[in-house]
Amino acid sequence: MDAGTIIAIASVVISAIAVTCTIIGVTRDRKKEDYNAGKDDGGIRGDIKYMRNSFDDLRLDVKEVARKQDTQGERLTRVEESCKQAHKRIDEVARHVEYTGGHNE
């Protein structure tokens, strides 16, 4: 074998090694990118789940406030009715006092 053939074989071997190393490097980088993308995706999914749970808690709180507001509205209606009846009784007592001139009979 002459020197030209040896150099040609060495060049082919070195080129094959370089291509193999490049393929391995690209594969490793792709795996690392996939891992990082999965890690980011998992973090985002966790954040979304946390926000969904917080939203559900807020919805329950709003329902509870609405229920309490309905209860307060019902109680207010009953108090207004009771107040109206009390005013009628007070008016009757006032008319009686005016009629009798303030004297007990």
C-alpha atoms as a PDB file:
ATOM      1  CA  MET A   1       0.000   0.000   0.000  1.00  0.00           C
ATOM      2  CA  ASP A   2       1.218   3.330  -0.867  1.00  0.00           C
ATOM      3  CA  ALA A   3       0.862   6.506   1.226  1.00  0.00           C
ATOM      4  CA  GLY A   4      -2.068   7.835  -0.825  1.00  0.00           C
ATOM      5  CA  THR A   5      -4.155   4.750  -0.119  1.00  0.00           C
ATOM      6  CA  ILE A   6      -3.372   4.879   3.611  1.00  0.00           C
ATOM      7  CA  ILE A   7      -4.334   8.565   3.742  1.00  0.00           C
ATOM      8  CA  ALA A   8      -7.577   7.825   1.858  1.00  0.00           C
ATOM      9  CA  ILE A   9      -8.486   4.967   4.252  1.00  0.00           C
ATOM     10  CA  ALA A  10      -7.610   7.118   7.272  1.00  0.00           C
ATOM     11  CA  SER A  11      -9.774   9.961   5.896  1.00  0.00           C
ATOM     12  CA  VAL A  12     -12.726   7.614   5.393  1.00  0.00           C
ATOM     13  CA  VAL A  13     -12.353   6.183   8.924  1.00  0.00           C
ATOM     14  CA  ILE A  14     -12.036   9.650  10.464  1.00  0.00           C
ATOM     15  CA  SER A  15     -15.060  10.854   8.479  1.00  0.00           C
ATOM     16  CA  ALA A  16     -17.092   7.840   9.656  1.00  0.00           C
ATOM     17  CA  ILE A  17     -16.088   8.502  13.261  1.00  0.00           C
ATOM     18  CA  ALA A  18     -17.030  12.206  12.892  1.00  0.00           C
ATOM     19  CA  VAL A  19     -20.436  11.315  11.414  1.00  0.00           C
ATOM     20  CA  THR A  20     -21.051   8.788  14.203  1.00  0.00           C
ATOM     21  CA  CYS A  21     -20.104  11.329  16.888  1.00  0.00           C
ATOM     22  CA  THR A  22     -22.360  13.932  15.260  1.00  0.00           C
ATOM     23  CA  ILE A  23     -25.301  11.518  15.221  1.00  0.00           C
ATOM     24  CA  ILE A  24     -24.711  10.605  18.864  1.00  0.00           C
ATOM     25  CA  GLY A  25     -24.454  14.291  19.836  1.00  0.00           C
ATOM     26  CA  VAL A  26     -27.658  15.219  18.000  1.00  0.00           C
ATOM     27  CA  THR A  27     -29.493  12.274  19.558  1.00  0.00           C
ATOM     28  CA  ARG A  28     -28.320  13.239  23.062  1.00  0.00           C
ATOM     29  CA  ASP A  29     -29.289  16.883  22.515  1.00  0.00           C
ATOM     30  CA  ARG A  30     -32.721  15.842  21.238  1.00  0.00           C
ATOM     31  CA  LYS A  31     -33.239  13.621  24.303  1.00  0.00           C
ATOM     32  CA  LYS A  32     -32.173  16.484  26.553  1.00  0.00           C
ATOM     33  CA  GLU A  33     -34.547  18.874  24.744  1.00  0.00           C
ATOM     34  CA  ASP A  34     -37.365  16.330  25.040  1.00  0.00           C
ATOM     35  CA  TYR A  35     -36.620  15.935  28.756  1.00  0.00           C
ATOM     36  CA  ASN A  36     -36.634  19.702  29.295  1.00  0.00           C
ATOM     37  CA  ALA A  37     -39.809  20.091  27.246  1.00  0.00           C
ATOM     38  CA  GLY A  38     -41.443  17.336  29.311  1.00  0.00           C
ATOM     39  CA  LYS A  39     -40.265  18.964  32.506  1.00  0.00           C
ATOM     40  CA  ASP A  40     -41.692  22.328  31.403  1.00  0.00           C
ATOM     41  CA  ASP A  41     -44.920  20.655  30.277  1.00  0.00           C
ATOM     42  CA  GLY A  42     -45.238  18.918  33.632  1.00  0.00           C
ATOM     43  CA  GLY A  43     -44.722  22.213  35.446  1.00  0.00           C
ATOM     44  CA  ILE A  44     -47.355  23.924  33.339  1.00  0.00           C
ATOM     45  CA  ARG A  45     -49.780  21.051  33.897  1.00  0.00           C
ATOM     46  CA  GLY A  46     -49.176  21.303  37.641  1.00  0.00           C
ATOM     47  CA  ASP A  47     -49.814  25.043  37.577  1.00  0.00           C
ATOM     48  CA  ILE A  48     -53.018  24.540  35.587  1.00  0.00           C
ATOM     49  CA  LYS A  49     -54.201  21.881  38.042  1.00  0.00           C
ATOM     50  CA  TYR A  50     -53.481  24.226  40.957  1.00  0.00           C
ATOM     51  CA  MET A  51     -55.403  27.050  39.267  1.00  0.00           C
ATOM     52  CA  ARG A  52     -58.316  24.703  38.504  1.00  0.00           C
ATOM     53  CA  ASN A  53     -58.477  23.606  42.146  1.00  0.00           C
ATOM     54  CA  SER A  54     -58.308  27.235  43.287  1.00  0.00           C
ATOM     55  CA  PHE A  55     -61.111  28.131  40.866  1.00  0.00           C
ATOM     56  CA  ASP A  56     -63.230  25.262  42.210  1.00  0.00           C
ATOM     57  CA  ASP A  57     -62.637  26.501  45.769  1.00  0.00           C
ATOM     58  CA  LEU A  58     -63.664  30.018  44.749  1.00  0.00           C
ATOM     59  CA  ARG A  59     -66.789  28.685  43.062  1.00  0.00           C
ATOM     60  CA  LEU A  60     -67.755  26.858  46.271  1.00  0.00           C
ATOM     61  CA  ASP A  61     -67.125  30.023  48.282  1.00  0.00           C
ATOM     62  CA  VAL A  62     -69.311  32.058  45.921  1.00  0.00           C
ATOM     63  CA  LYS A  63     -72.108  29.485  46.229  1.00  0.00           C
ATOM     64  CA  GLU A  64     -71.840  29.656  50.020  1.00  0.00           C
ATOM     65  CA  VAL A  65     -72.005  33.468  49.975  1.00  0.00           C
ATOM     66  CA  ALA A  66     -75.025  33.344  47.647  1.00  0.00           C
ATOM     67  CA  ARG A  67     -76.741  30.866  49.972  1.00  0.00           C
ATOM     68  CA  LYS A  68     -76.057  33.093  52.976  1.00  0.00           C
ATOM     69  CA  GLN A  69     -77.321  36.109  51.056  1.00  0.00           C
ATOM     70  CA  ASP A  70     -80.566  34.277  50.256  1.00  0.00           C
ATOM     71  CA  THR A  71     -80.943  33.361  53.926  1.00  0.00           C
ATOM     72  CA  GLN A  72     -80.322  36.979  54.954  1.00  0.00           C
ATOM     73  CA  GLY A  73     -82.902  38.159  52.409  1.00  0.00           C
ATOM     74  CA  GLU A  74     -85.502  35.811  53.859  1.00  0.00           C
ATOM     75  CA  ARG A  75     -84.724  36.970  57.379  1.00  0.00           C
ATOM     76  CA  LEU A  76     -84.938  40.617  56.315  1.00  0.00           C
ATOM     77  CA  THR A  77     -88.376  40.016  54.796  1.00  0.00           C
ATOM     78  CA  ARG A  78     -89.590  38.452  58.037  1.00  0.00           C
ATOM     79  CA  VAL A  79     -88.179  41.362  60.080  1.00  0.00           C
ATOM     80  CA  GLU A  80     -89.874  43.889  57.788  1.00  0.00           C
ATOM     81  CA  GLU A  81     -93.208  42.068  58.198  1.00  0.00           C
ATOM     82  CA  SER A  82     -92.778  41.965  61.963  1.00  0.00           C
ATOM     83  CA  CYS A  83     -91.894  45.677  61.999  1.00  0.00           C
ATOM     84  CA  LYS A  84     -94.989  46.498  59.950  1.00  0.00           C
ATOM     85  CA  GLN A  85     -97.172  44.573  62.441  1.00  0.00           C
ATOM     86  CA  ALA A  86     -95.501  46.352  65.351  1.00  0.00           C
ATOM     87  CA  HIS A  87     -96.190  49.736  63.748  1.00  0.00           C
ATOM     88  CA  LYS A  88     -99.855  48.801  63.359  1.00  0.00           C
ATOM     89  CA  ARG A  89    -100.051  47.892  67.048  1.00  0.00           C
ATOM     90  CA  ILE A  90     -98.271  51.112  68.012  1.00  0.00           C
ATOM     91  CA  ASP A  91    -100.723  53.111  65.877  1.00  0.00           C
ATOM     92  CA  GLU A  92    -103.631  51.363  67.633  1.00  0.00           C
ATOM     93  CA  VAL A  93    -102.157  52.178  71.043  1.00  0.00           C
ATOM     94  CA  ALA A  94    -101.596  55.801  69.974  1.00  0.00           C
ATOM     95  CA  ARG A  95    -105.219  56.100  68.783  1.00  0.00           C
ATOM     96  CA  HIS A  96    -106.414  54.586  72.049  1.00  0.00           C
ATOM     97  CA  VAL A  97    -104.293  57.038  74.041  1.00  0.00           C
ATOM     98  CA  GLU A  98    -105.647  59.977  72.015  1.00  0.00           C
ATOM     99  CA  TYR A  99    -109.235  58.715  72.412  1.00  0.00           C
ATOM    100  CA  THR A 100    -108.979  58.310  76.135  1.00  0.00           C
ATOM    101  CA  GLY A 101    -106.959  61.448  76.597  1.00  0.00           C
ATOM    102  CA  GLY A 102    -104.097  59.533  78.128  1.00  0.00           C
ATOM    103  CA  HIS A 103    -106.182  58.064  80.969  1.00  0.00           C
ATOM    104  CA  ASN A 104    -106.360  54.404  81.739  1.00  0.00           C
ATOM    105  CA  GLU A 105    -109.829  52.905  81.599  1.00  0.00           C
END
